């Protein structure tokens, strides 16, 4: 990238400069309450990115959006339907659900914003430098937490899964995004310090966050990226081996930090004896399975339209006795209750319970169109592979949490879809 900056670089620089605030936990951000709305620095950063996109559109027009039209239509249908389900009868906590829905829509604007801003290869480079640079910072901070040098959310807790300055799953998603960039570069014969930084930060960050679901997305990303690289005749055996060695080493680190949860889940399946003390076992694989069961039961009784956006968190009561009977080994605090409103804790299952088959079909269409755009993008091999990797990493990580608005994982999702639209259109 040339050292000298030009006026046409400004939109991409604004988008890149927004990344540190968008990928930062809210406890570290300035906050302003406006009625039922909570406005954080990340909201301001998203707004700045959208304004940068509008400025770019004044220079180049709206042609940057044209190639992504099917994706924008699918997104509008999904988000419009989610808004509509906030009014399902009986209406409850309407302002709360509408605020969450509004923040989902706000972050969704990052996808068309990326399509409008990333016009030239130079714009893409500026954006990727922002993503990878912030991933490096997050991983370094996570390593300092792991070593017990700096505190995390609950004080100094060395030698455990780390949150960096994002939170477990958001740290994992950012790291997975960086790793997807690195894998795509290897598969399409891109080299340089940015590639090395993406691979190192992405791999170490994924180990420190130790999200099994994010790692499942990383594995799928590695496989699809290798196929994409082979399809354009750029992937050599040596680089393919490098991708899988890095993926394997990352997996060893993830499993090492998740050994207790893995043991607990194997005991839950009856494969090995249970650990001696399970009194604090919440947010484990076994608890997620139980909460997923409740989510499926909610959907089964409301199959077409669901119970309404975000309502599944307060619809567990009719199914709680069956859940306790079916999964009796859980500690008391693992089951949902007024004191512990865990929710479904799986984005896909919650979407099914909240919005029914209709909502899930719309959601899958958004991800499917995005993947189709990226997969079919001919001349942009690196960008295409990157978009595929980012989208599947996000899809995998969403298995770990429910529908949560205004978090970095949401930004990863919409930015990945935006990159897919850019790949379909091409760069100048």
Protein backbone atom coordinates (compact mmCIF):
# COMPACT_ATOMS: atom_id res chain seq x y z
CA UNK A 1 0.00 0.00 0.00
CA UNK A 2 1.34 3.43 -0.90
CA UNK A 3 2.42 5.52 2.05
CA UNK A 4 0.85 8.71 0.71
CA UNK A 5 -2.85 9.08 1.49
CA UNK A 6 -5.36 10.55 -0.91
CA UNK A 7 -8.84 11.99 -0.55
CA UNK A 8 -10.43 8.90 -2.07
CA UNK A 9 -8.87 6.84 0.76
CA UNK A 10 -10.96 8.59 3.42
CA UNK A 11 -14.04 6.30 3.39
CA UNK A 12 -11.90 3.17 3.75
CA UNK A 13 -9.83 4.83 6.48
CA UNK A 14 -13.01 5.73 8.39
CA UNK A 15 -14.27 2.15 8.10
CA UNK A 16 -10.92 0.82 9.32
CA UNK A 17 -10.79 3.39 12.15
CA UNK A 18 -14.26 2.27 13.30
CA UNK A 19 -13.06 -1.29 13.89
CA UNK A 20 -11.45 -0.76 17.35
CA UNK A 21 -14.71 0.62 18.79
CA UNK A 22 -16.95 -1.88 17.02
CA UNK A 23 -14.76 -4.71 18.29
CA UNK A 24 -14.63 -3.60 21.92
CA UNK A 25 -16.68 -4.78 24.90
CA UNK A 26 -19.27 -2.26 26.05
CA UNK A 27 -17.79 -2.09 29.56
CA UNK A 28 -14.84 -0.21 28.08
CA UNK A 29 -16.97 2.23 26.06
CA UNK A 30 -18.59 5.57 26.76
CA UNK A 31 -22.32 5.18 27.33
CA UNK A 32 -25.35 7.44 27.05
CA UNK A 33 -28.91 6.42 27.96
CA UNK A 34 -31.58 8.04 25.77
CA UNK A 35 -34.94 6.78 27.03
CA UNK A 36 -35.00 3.02 26.39
CA UNK A 37 -31.93 3.31 24.13
CA UNK A 38 -28.37 2.68 25.29
CA UNK A 39 -25.92 4.42 22.96
CA UNK A 40 -22.30 3.26 23.09
CA UNK A 41 -19.15 4.27 21.32
CA UNK A 42 -19.59 1.27 19.01
CA UNK A 43 -22.91 2.72 17.83
CA UNK A 44 -21.14 5.96 16.97
CA UNK A 45 -18.48 3.96 15.11
CA UNK A 46 -21.12 2.08 13.09
CA UNK A 47 -22.74 5.43 12.30
CA UNK A 48 -19.39 6.81 11.14
CA UNK A 49 -18.91 3.77 8.87
CA UNK A 50 -22.35 4.32 7.34
CA UNK A 51 -21.62 8.03 6.80
CA UNK A 52 -18.33 7.08 5.16
CA UNK A 53 -20.27 4.78 2.85
CA UNK A 54 -22.64 7.60 1.92
CA UNK A 55 -19.64 9.84 1.22
CA UNK A 56 -18.18 7.13 -1.01
CA UNK A 57 -21.51 6.85 -2.81
CA UNK A 58 -21.37 10.58 -3.60
CA UNK A 59 -18.05 9.98 -5.34
CA UNK A 60 -18.79 6.71 -7.16
CA UNK A 61 -22.60 6.41 -7.09
CA UNK A 62 -24.66 3.48 -5.86
CA UNK A 63 -23.33 1.08 -8.48
CA UNK A 64 -21.35 -0.63 -5.74
CA UNK A 65 -24.62 -2.03 -4.39
CA UNK A 66 -26.05 -3.27 -7.68
CA UNK A 67 -24.30 -6.63 -7.77
CA UNK A 68 -25.49 -7.44 -4.26
CA UNK A 69 -29.17 -6.71 -4.89
CA UNK A 70 -30.43 -10.26 -4.10
CA UNK A 71 -28.56 -10.15 -0.78
CA UNK A 72 -29.97 -6.74 0.17
CA UNK A 73 -33.50 -7.94 -0.65
CA UNK A 74 -33.03 -11.06 1.48
CA UNK A 75 -31.64 -9.00 4.36
CA UNK A 76 -34.53 -6.54 4.17
CA UNK A 77 -37.04 -9.41 4.20
CA UNK A 78 -35.36 -11.03 7.22
CA UNK A 79 -35.04 -7.83 9.24
CA UNK A 80 -38.54 -6.70 8.34
CA UNK A 81 -39.98 -10.04 9.41
CA UNK A 82 -38.05 -9.97 12.69
CA UNK A 83 -39.50 -6.52 13.37
CA UNK A 84 -43.00 -7.77 12.60
CA UNK A 85 -42.66 -10.69 15.04
CA UNK A 86 -42.10 -8.23 17.89
CA UNK A 87 -45.87 -7.62 17.65
CA UNK A 88 -46.95 -11.27 17.92
CA UNK A 89 -49.76 -11.76 20.44
CA UNK A 90 -49.57 -11.55 23.35
CA UNK A 91 -47.42 -8.44 23.01
CA UNK A 92 -44.88 -8.16 25.83
CA UNK A 93 -41.82 -6.01 26.56
CA UNK A 94 -42.38 -4.41 23.17
CA UNK A 95 -39.94 -1.52 23.66
CA UNK A 96 -37.17 -3.90 24.79
CA UNK A 97 -37.59 -6.16 21.76
CA UNK A 98 -37.86 -3.24 19.35
CA UNK A 99 -34.66 -1.70 20.74
CA UNK A 100 -32.81 -5.00 20.23
CA UNK A 101 -34.27 -5.29 16.75
CA UNK A 102 -33.22 -1.71 15.92
CA UNK A 103 -29.65 -2.45 16.96
CA UNK A 104 -29.62 -5.57 14.77
CA UNK A 105 -30.72 -3.40 11.84
CA UNK A 106 -28.06 -0.81 12.72
CA UNK A 107 -25.26 -3.38 12.57
CA UNK A 108 -26.73 -4.91 9.40
CA UNK A 109 -25.95 -1.59 7.67
CA UNK A 110 -22.28 -2.60 7.86
CA UNK A 111 -22.83 -5.01 4.95
CA UNK A 112 -23.95 -2.43 2.35
CA UNK A 113 -21.52 0.08 3.88
CA UNK A 114 -18.64 -2.29 3.13
CA UNK A 115 -19.93 -2.76 -0.41
CA UNK A 116 -19.99 1.01 -0.98
CA UNK A 117 -16.61 1.73 0.62
CA UNK A 118 -14.52 -1.16 -0.71
CA UNK A 119 -14.30 -0.20 -4.37
CA UNK A 120 -10.56 -0.43 -5.05
CA UNK A 121 -7.96 -3.00 -4.01
CA UNK A 122 -6.35 -0.24 -1.97
CA UNK A 123 -9.62 0.17 -0.02
CA UNK A 124 -9.65 -3.55 0.75
CA UNK A 125 -6.04 -3.42 1.92
CA UNK A 126 -6.79 -0.54 4.29
CA UNK A 127 -9.78 -2.43 5.69
CA UNK A 128 -7.84 -5.68 6.16
CA UNK A 129 -4.99 -3.84 7.89
CA UNK A 130 -7.58 -2.51 10.34
CA UNK A 131 -9.05 -5.95 11.03
CA UNK A 132 -5.74 -7.77 11.35
CA UNK A 133 -4.12 -4.98 13.36
CA UNK A 134 -6.94 -5.01 15.90
CA UNK A 135 -6.83 -8.82 16.03
CA UNK A 136 -3.12 -8.59 16.86
CA UNK A 137 -3.90 -6.12 19.67
CA UNK A 138 -6.67 -8.37 21.03
CA UNK A 139 -4.45 -11.44 20.97
CA UNK A 140 -1.56 -9.65 22.71
CA UNK A 141 -3.96 -8.45 25.42
CA UNK A 142 -5.33 -11.98 25.75
CA UNK A 143 -1.80 -13.36 26.14
CA UNK A 144 -1.13 -10.83 28.91
CA UNK A 145 -4.32 -11.96 30.65
CA UNK A 146 -3.30 -15.61 30.24
CA UNK A 147 0.05 -14.83 31.84
CA UNK A 148 -1.66 -13.05 34.74
CA UNK A 149 -0.06 -9.69 33.93
CA UNK A 150 -3.30 -7.77 33.30
CA UNK A 151 -6.81 -8.22 34.63
CA UNK A 152 -9.85 -9.40 32.71
CA UNK A 153 -13.56 -9.04 33.54
CA UNK A 154 -13.30 -10.99 36.81
CA UNK A 155 -9.79 -9.99 37.84
CA UNK A 156 -6.54 -11.83 37.21
CA UNK A 157 -7.30 -15.40 36.14
CA UNK A 158 -4.16 -16.73 34.43
CA UNK A 159 -4.10 -19.98 32.54
CA UNK A 160 -7.79 -19.96 31.54
CA UNK A 161 -9.91 -19.08 28.52
CA UNK A 162 -9.44 -15.37 27.96
CA UNK A 163 -11.81 -12.59 26.93
CA UNK A 164 -9.19 -10.03 25.82
CA UNK A 165 -11.06 -6.71 25.61
CA UNK A 166 -14.03 -8.24 23.76
CA UNK A 167 -15.59 -11.23 25.53
CA UNK A 168 -15.06 -14.94 24.90
CA UNK A 169 -17.12 -15.48 21.76
CA UNK A 170 -16.46 -12.05 20.26
CA UNK A 171 -12.70 -12.54 20.78
CA UNK A 172 -13.06 -15.93 19.10
CA UNK A 173 -15.00 -14.46 16.17
CA UNK A 174 -12.47 -11.68 15.54
CA UNK A 175 -9.64 -14.22 15.74
CA UNK A 176 -11.48 -16.54 13.36
CA UNK A 177 -11.95 -13.66 10.93
CA UNK A 178 -8.22 -12.95 10.98
CA UNK A 179 -7.45 -16.65 10.53
CA UNK A 180 -9.81 -16.82 7.54
CA UNK A 181 -7.95 -13.88 5.97
CA UNK A 182 -4.65 -15.70 6.53
CA UNK A 183 -5.94 -19.01 5.14
CA UNK A 184 -7.37 -17.26 2.06
CA UNK A 185 -4.01 -15.57 1.47
CA UNK A 186 -2.16 -18.88 1.68
CA UNK A 187 -4.64 -20.59 -0.64
CA UNK A 188 -4.36 -17.86 -3.28
CA UNK A 189 -0.61 -17.26 -3.04
CA UNK A 190 -0.69 -13.91 -1.23
CA UNK A 191 2.34 -13.14 0.90
CA UNK A 192 3.60 -10.45 3.24
CA UNK A 193 3.67 -9.32 6.84
CA UNK A 194 -0.08 -8.81 6.93
CA UNK A 195 -0.62 -12.49 6.09
CA UNK A 196 1.80 -13.64 8.78
CA UNK A 197 0.16 -11.35 11.34
CA UNK A 198 -3.32 -12.63 10.43
CA UNK A 199 -2.26 -16.26 10.81
CA UNK A 200 -0.40 -15.71 14.10
CA UNK A 201 -3.02 -13.50 15.74
CA UNK A 202 -5.91 -15.59 14.46
CA UNK A 203 -4.46 -18.89 15.61
CA UNK A 204 -3.30 -17.70 19.06
CA UNK A 205 -6.49 -15.73 19.61
CA UNK A 206 -8.63 -18.74 18.76
CA UNK A 207 -6.63 -20.84 21.23
CA UNK A 208 -7.03 -18.27 24.01
CA UNK A 209 -10.77 -17.83 23.46
CA UNK A 210 -11.12 -21.61 23.14
CA UNK A 211 -14.56 -21.63 21.54
CA UNK A 212 -15.40 -25.08 20.20
CA UNK A 213 -18.07 -23.65 17.94
CA UNK A 214 -15.78 -20.97 16.50
CA UNK A 215 -13.16 -23.66 15.89
CA UNK A 216 -15.74 -25.78 14.04
CA UNK A 217 -16.25 -22.77 11.79
CA UNK A 218 -12.48 -22.43 11.35
CA UNK A 219 -12.22 -26.06 10.22
CA UNK A 220 -15.02 -25.63 7.71
CA UNK A 221 -13.44 -22.37 6.54
CA UNK A 222 -10.10 -24.13 6.03
CA UNK A 223 -11.75 -26.86 3.96
CA UNK A 224 -13.77 -24.49 1.77
CA UNK A 225 -10.84 -22.12 1.30
CA UNK A 226 -8.63 -25.01 0.18
CA UNK A 227 -11.27 -26.07 -2.34
CA UNK A 228 -11.55 -22.48 -3.55
CA UNK A 229 -7.79 -22.17 -3.91
CA UNK A 230 -7.57 -25.47 -5.77
CA UNK A 231 -10.40 -24.44 -8.09
CA UNK A 232 -8.45 -21.40 -9.34
CA UNK A 233 -5.23 -23.44 -9.57
CA UNK A 234 -3.36 -21.36 -6.98
CA UNK A 235 -3.21 -23.77 -4.04
CA UNK A 236 -0.11 -25.93 -3.87
CA UNK A 237 0.34 -29.00 -1.70
CA UNK A 238 2.81 -27.13 0.47
CA UNK A 239 0.44 -24.27 1.19
CA UNK A 240 -2.46 -26.66 1.78
CA UNK A 241 -0.34 -28.49 4.35
CA UNK A 242 0.50 -25.16 5.98
CA UNK A 243 -3.20 -24.32 6.30
CA UNK A 244 -4.02 -27.66 7.93
CA UNK A 245 -0.98 -27.62 10.22
CA UNK A 246 -2.02 -24.20 11.52
CA UNK A 247 -5.62 -25.39 11.88
CA UNK A 248 -4.44 -28.52 13.72
CA UNK A 249 -2.17 -26.62 16.11
CA UNK A 250 -5.00 -24.19 16.79
CA UNK A 251 -7.30 -27.12 17.57
CA UNK A 252 -4.82 -28.59 20.05
CA UNK A 253 -4.71 -25.26 21.89
CA UNK A 254 -8.51 -24.92 21.89
CA UNK A 255 -9.05 -28.44 23.23
CA UNK A 256 -6.33 -28.01 25.85
CA UNK A 257 -8.17 -25.07 27.40
CA UNK A 258 -11.54 -26.80 27.05
CA UNK A 259 -10.47 -30.17 28.48
CA UNK A 260 -12.73 -29.90 31.56
CA UNK A 261 -15.81 -29.02 29.52
CA UNK A 262 -15.00 -31.80 27.07
CA UNK A 263 -14.72 -34.28 29.95
CA UNK A 264 -18.02 -33.05 31.36
CA UNK A 265 -19.75 -33.41 27.99
CA UNK A 266 -18.41 -36.95 27.52
CA UNK A 267 -19.77 -37.78 30.97
CA UNK A 268 -23.09 -36.21 29.94
CA UNK A 269 -23.13 -38.59 26.97
CA UNK A 270 -22.33 -41.52 29.28
CA UNK A 271 -18.94 -42.18 27.70
CA UNK A 272 -16.86 -41.55 30.85
CA UNK A 273 -17.46 -40.88 34.58
CA UNK A 274 -18.60 -37.42 35.62
CA UNK A 275 -16.13 -35.00 37.28
CA UNK A 276 -16.32 -34.93 41.07
CA UNK A 277 -17.61 -31.34 41.38
CA UNK A 278 -20.21 -30.10 38.91
CA UNK A 279 -21.83 -27.49 41.13
CA UNK A 280 -20.75 -24.58 38.92
CA UNK A 281 -21.19 -26.22 35.52
CA UNK A 282 -23.10 -23.68 33.50
CA UNK A 283 -22.46 -22.62 29.91
CA UNK A 284 -21.07 -26.07 29.19
CA UNK A 285 -21.86 -28.32 26.26
CA UNK A 286 -24.32 -30.33 28.32
CA UNK A 287 -26.19 -27.23 29.48
CA UNK A 288 -26.35 -25.89 25.94
CA UNK A 289 -27.83 -29.21 24.81
CA UNK A 290 -30.51 -28.95 27.48
CA UNK A 291 -31.33 -25.33 26.57
CA UNK A 292 -31.40 -26.29 22.90
CA UNK A 293 -33.92 -29.01 23.75
CA UNK A 294 -36.16 -26.39 25.35
CA UNK A 295 -35.78 -24.19 22.28
CA UNK A 296 -36.80 -27.01 19.96
CA UNK A 297 -39.82 -27.77 22.16
CA UNK A 298 -40.88 -24.11 21.98
CA UNK A 299 -40.61 -24.20 18.20
CA UNK A 300 -42.49 -27.52 17.98
CA UNK A 301 -45.53 -25.86 19.56
CA UNK A 302 -45.18 -22.72 17.36
CA UNK A 303 -43.72 -24.15 14.14
CA UNK A 304 -44.60 -21.65 11.41
CA UNK A 305 -44.25 -18.15 12.90
CA UNK A 306 -42.58 -18.79 16.28
CA UNK A 307 -43.35 -17.09 19.58
CA UNK A 308 -41.99 -13.67 18.60
CA UNK A 309 -38.60 -11.99 18.48
CA UNK A 310 -36.60 -12.61 21.72
CA UNK A 311 -39.62 -14.26 23.40
CA UNK A 312 -38.11 -17.76 23.78
CA UNK A 313 -36.17 -16.59 26.85
CA UNK A 314 -39.48 -16.39 28.72
CA UNK A 315 -41.26 -19.42 27.25
CA UNK A 316 -39.38 -22.22 28.99
CA UNK A 317 -41.90 -22.85 31.80
CA UNK A 318 -44.10 -25.51 30.10
CA UNK A 319 -41.01 -27.53 29.16
CA UNK A 320 -38.87 -27.18 32.28
CA UNK A 321 -40.13 -30.34 34.02
CA UNK A 322 -39.46 -32.41 30.90
CA UNK A 323 -36.00 -30.86 30.56
CA UNK A 324 -35.14 -31.72 34.17
CA UNK A 325 -36.40 -35.27 33.65
CA UNK A 326 -34.53 -35.67 30.37
CA UNK A 327 -31.30 -34.03 31.59
CA UNK A 328 -31.20 -34.78 35.33
CA UNK A 329 -27.46 -34.36 35.85
CA UNK A 330 -27.39 -30.57 35.61
CA UNK A 331 -26.79 -28.38 38.68
CA UNK A 332 -29.84 -26.39 39.75
CA UNK A 333 -28.50 -23.08 38.42
CA UNK A 334 -28.06 -24.55 34.93
CA UNK A 335 -31.81 -24.74 34.36
CA UNK A 336 -33.64 -21.58 33.24
CA UNK A 337 -35.45 -19.66 35.98
CA UNK A 338 -36.44 -16.06 36.78
CA UNK A 339 -33.05 -15.69 38.51
CA UNK A 340 -31.21 -17.33 35.59
CA UNK A 341 -32.96 -16.41 32.30
CA UNK A 342 -30.43 -18.28 30.20
CA UNK A 343 -32.40 -18.27 26.99
CA UNK A 344 -31.74 -20.81 24.24
CA UNK A 345 -28.07 -19.79 23.78
CA UNK A 346 -27.96 -20.93 20.18
CA UNK A 347 -28.63 -18.37 17.47
CA UNK A 348 -30.05 -20.87 15.00
CA UNK A 349 -32.32 -22.64 17.46
CA UNK A 350 -33.47 -19.34 18.95
CA UNK A 351 -34.27 -18.00 15.48
CA UNK A 352 -36.40 -21.11 14.93
CA UNK A 353 -38.18 -20.78 18.29
CA UNK A 354 -38.66 -17.01 18.03
CA UNK A 355 -39.58 -16.67 14.36
CA UNK A 356 -40.51 -20.18 13.22
CA UNK A 357 -39.80 -21.91 9.94
CA UNK A 358 -40.46 -18.67 8.07
CA UNK A 359 -37.80 -16.80 10.03
CA UNK A 360 -35.24 -19.59 9.79
CA UNK A 361 -35.80 -19.87 6.04
CA UNK A 362 -35.20 -16.13 5.62
CA UNK A 363 -32.10 -16.30 7.81
CA UNK A 364 -30.65 -19.24 5.89
CA UNK A 365 -31.37 -17.44 2.62
CA UNK A 366 -29.23 -14.48 3.75
CA UNK A 367 -26.28 -16.72 4.63
CA UNK A 368 -26.84 -18.89 1.55
CA UNK A 369 -26.91 -15.95 -0.87
CA UNK A 370 -23.79 -14.50 0.76
CA UNK A 371 -21.92 -17.79 0.41
CA UNK A 372 -23.15 -18.17 -3.16
CA UNK A 373 -21.89 -14.68 -4.05
CA UNK A 374 -18.47 -15.39 -2.59
CA UNK A 375 -18.19 -18.87 -4.05
CA UNK A 376 -19.04 -17.79 -7.59
CA UNK A 377 -16.85 -14.67 -7.62
CA UNK A 378 -14.47 -15.41 -10.46
CA UNK A 379 -11.58 -12.92 -10.69
CA UNK A 380 -11.39 -12.04 -6.98
CA UNK A 381 -9.95 -15.32 -5.70
CA UNK A 382 -8.46 -13.97 -2.46
CA UNK A 383 -11.46 -11.82 -1.58
CA UNK A 384 -13.84 -14.63 -2.48
CA UNK A 385 -12.04 -17.12 -0.25
CA UNK A 386 -11.85 -14.57 2.58
CA UNK A 387 -15.60 -13.89 2.43
CA UNK A 388 -16.42 -17.61 2.45
CA UNK A 389 -14.17 -18.15 5.45
CA UNK A 390 -15.52 -15.20 7.45
CA UNK A 391 -19.15 -16.18 6.82
CA UNK A 392 -18.71 -19.81 7.95
CA UNK A 393 -16.65 -18.77 10.99
CA UNK A 394 -19.49 -16.46 12.01
CA UNK A 395 -22.09 -19.17 11.35
CA UNK A 396 -20.19 -21.62 13.55
CA UNK A 397 -19.63 -19.15 16.39
CA UNK A 398 -23.35 -18.26 16.49
CA UNK A 399 -23.99 -21.77 17.86
CA UNK A 400 -22.50 -20.55 21.15
CA UNK A 401 -24.85 -17.64 21.87
CA UNK A 402 -28.41 -16.59 21.15
CA UNK A 403 -29.64 -13.51 19.31
CA UNK A 404 -27.57 -10.71 20.85
CA UNK A 405 -27.49 -7.32 19.15
CA UNK A 406 -24.64 -4.85 19.02
CA UNK A 407 -21.79 -7.31 19.64
CA UNK A 408 -18.61 -7.85 17.60
CA UNK A 409 -19.81 -11.26 16.38
CA UNK A 410 -22.68 -9.48 14.67
CA UNK A 411 -20.19 -7.13 13.01
CA UNK A 412 -18.15 -10.12 11.77
CA UNK A 413 -21.32 -11.59 10.26
CA UNK A 414 -22.45 -8.50 8.37
CA UNK A 415 -18.93 -7.55 7.28
CA UNK A 416 -18.44 -11.07 5.93
CA UNK A 417 -21.65 -10.76 3.92
CA UNK A 418 -20.56 -7.32 2.72
CA UNK A 419 -17.25 -8.79 1.54
CA UNK A 420 -19.21 -11.43 -0.39
CA UNK A 421 -21.11 -8.69 -2.22
CA UNK A 422 -17.82 -6.92 -2.99
CA UNK A 423 -16.33 -10.16 -4.30
CA UNK A 424 -19.29 -10.66 -6.63
CA UNK A 425 -18.98 -7.11 -7.98
CA UNK A 426 -15.19 -7.06 -8.16
CA UNK A 427 -12.56 -4.45 -7.32
CA UNK A 428 -10.92 -1.80 -9.47
